[in-house]
Amino acid sequence: MEGDKVMNDNIALTEATYYILLSLYTPQHGYGIMQRTETLSGGRVKLAAGTLYGALSNMSEKGWIIQLPIEDGSRKKEYKLTEEGRIVLNNELTRLKQMISNGESVMKEEQNV
């Protein structure tokens, strides 16, 4: 099942999910995730707070991220990528590289015909 430990390495992530996970390569709080995602995506992915926290909840349930303990006096919730999340992110990067390679190969063949 998809929510179980990463058994299926054919999971295709949405662009938003990919960038959220990538943003959490180092621990971040919600606003930091929103900023980092927008920066990394060149402005293509702009997360609204509701979308972000829904995605964080979903990724947390899947075991891809964890919420760090909240420091005394702070209201900021920080999140961190788990080892399982790193595997998912690495699998997605491999999938994307293969897609690029396939596309370049086919387009190069077509140009040489």
Protein backbone atom coordinates (compact mmCIF):
# COMPACT_ATOMS: atom_id res chain seq x y z
CA MET A 1 0.00 0.00 0.00
CA GLU A 2 1.24 3.54 -0.77
CA GLY A 3 1.20 4.69 2.88
CA ASP A 4 3.33 1.77 4.02
CA LYS A 5 7.12 1.87 4.08
CA VAL A 6 8.57 2.75 0.68
CA MET A 7 7.99 -0.46 -1.23
CA ASN A 8 6.90 1.11 -4.48
CA ASP A 9 9.69 3.18 -5.95
CA ASN A 10 7.46 4.10 -8.91
CA ILE A 11 5.66 6.84 -6.97
CA ALA A 12 5.48 10.00 -9.09
CA LEU A 13 5.48 13.08 -6.89
CA THR A 14 3.68 16.29 -7.69
CA GLU A 15 5.95 19.27 -8.25
CA ALA A 16 4.80 20.80 -4.96
CA THR A 17 5.51 17.60 -3.01
CA TYR A 18 8.93 17.26 -4.63
CA TYR A 19 9.90 20.81 -3.67
CA ILE A 20 8.52 20.52 -0.14
CA LEU A 21 10.60 17.38 0.43
CA LEU A 22 13.62 19.05 -1.15
CA SER A 23 13.09 22.07 1.11
CA LEU A 24 13.16 19.78 4.13
CA TYR A 25 16.60 18.41 3.32
CA THR A 26 17.44 20.73 6.21
CA PRO A 27 14.78 21.27 8.93
CA GLN A 28 12.40 24.15 8.23
CA HIS A 29 9.28 25.73 9.67
CA GLY A 30 6.20 26.29 7.51
CA TYR A 31 6.98 29.79 6.28
CA GLY A 32 10.56 28.74 5.51
CA ILE A 33 9.25 25.80 3.47
CA MET A 34 6.98 28.14 1.51
CA GLN A 35 9.86 30.53 0.76
CA ARG A 36 12.37 27.79 -0.11
CA THR A 37 9.87 26.01 -2.37
CA GLU A 38 9.16 29.19 -4.30
CA THR A 39 12.89 29.96 -4.62
CA LEU A 40 13.89 26.44 -5.68
CA SER A 41 11.10 26.24 -8.26
CA GLY A 42 11.97 29.59 -9.79
CA GLY A 43 8.61 30.95 -8.67
CA ARG A 44 6.54 28.20 -10.34
CA VAL A 45 5.37 26.70 -7.04
CA LYS A 46 3.75 29.13 -4.61
CA LEU A 47 2.19 27.33 -1.68
CA ALA A 48 -0.78 28.67 0.26
CA ALA A 49 -0.71 27.89 3.98
CA GLY A 50 -3.67 25.48 3.77
CA THR A 51 -2.09 23.57 0.89
CA LEU A 52 1.26 23.36 2.67
CA TYR A 53 -0.13 22.11 5.98
CA GLY A 54 -2.34 19.57 4.23
CA ALA A 55 0.70 18.28 2.33
CA LEU A 56 2.82 18.21 5.51
CA SER A 57 0.13 16.22 7.29
CA ASN A 58 -0.06 13.75 4.40
CA MET A 59 3.73 13.35 4.20
CA SER A 60 3.90 12.93 7.96
CA GLU A 61 1.30 10.13 7.83
CA LYS A 62 3.38 8.40 5.14
CA GLY A 63 6.49 8.65 7.31
CA TRP A 64 8.37 10.89 4.86
CA ILE A 65 8.76 13.74 7.36
CA ILE A 66 8.53 14.26 11.10
CA GLN A 67 7.66 17.28 13.19
CA LEU A 68 10.49 18.28 15.52
CA PRO A 69 9.77 19.04 19.19
CA ILE A 70 8.54 22.60 19.65
CA GLU A 71 10.90 24.77 21.68
CA ASP A 72 9.54 26.45 24.82
CA GLY A 73 7.90 29.75 24.00
CA SER A 74 7.90 29.13 20.26
CA ARG A 75 4.84 28.69 18.09
CA LYS A 76 6.79 27.58 15.03
CA LYS A 77 6.50 23.95 14.06
CA GLU A 78 9.65 22.66 12.38
CA TYR A 79 9.72 19.63 10.12
CA LYS A 80 12.50 17.32 9.05
CA LEU A 81 12.92 14.77 6.26
CA THR A 82 13.07 11.15 7.47
CA GLU A 83 15.26 8.45 5.95
CA GLU A 84 12.16 7.17 4.16
CA GLY A 85 11.56 10.68 2.84
CA ARG A 86 15.13 10.82 1.54
CA ILE A 87 14.54 7.53 -0.29
CA VAL A 88 11.33 8.88 -1.85
CA LEU A 89 13.13 12.08 -2.88
CA ASN A 90 16.06 10.15 -4.34
CA ASN A 91 13.70 7.84 -6.25
CA GLU A 92 11.92 10.85 -7.71
CA LEU A 93 15.19 12.46 -8.75
CA THR A 94 16.21 9.21 -10.48
CA ARG A 95 12.81 9.06 -12.22
CA LEU A 96 13.08 12.67 -13.41
CA LYS A 97 16.62 12.14 -14.71
CA GLN A 98 15.44 9.10 -16.67
CA MET A 99 12.58 11.10 -18.16
CA ILE A 100 14.99 13.82 -19.27
CA SER A 101 17.39 11.27 -20.72
CA ASN A 102 14.58 9.53 -22.61
CA GLY A 103 13.26 12.83 -23.95
CA GLU A 104 16.68 14.00 -25.09
CA SER A 105 17.39 10.64 -26.72
CA VAL A 106 14.14 10.59 -28.69
CA MET A 107 14.43 14.21 -29.75
CA LYS A 108 18.03 13.69 -30.88
CA GLU A 109 16.96 10.64 -32.94
CA GLU A 110 14.19 12.69 -34.57
CA GLN A 111 16.66 15.46 -35.50
CA ASN A 112 18.97 12.94 -37.18
CA VAL A 113 16.25 11.41 -39.36
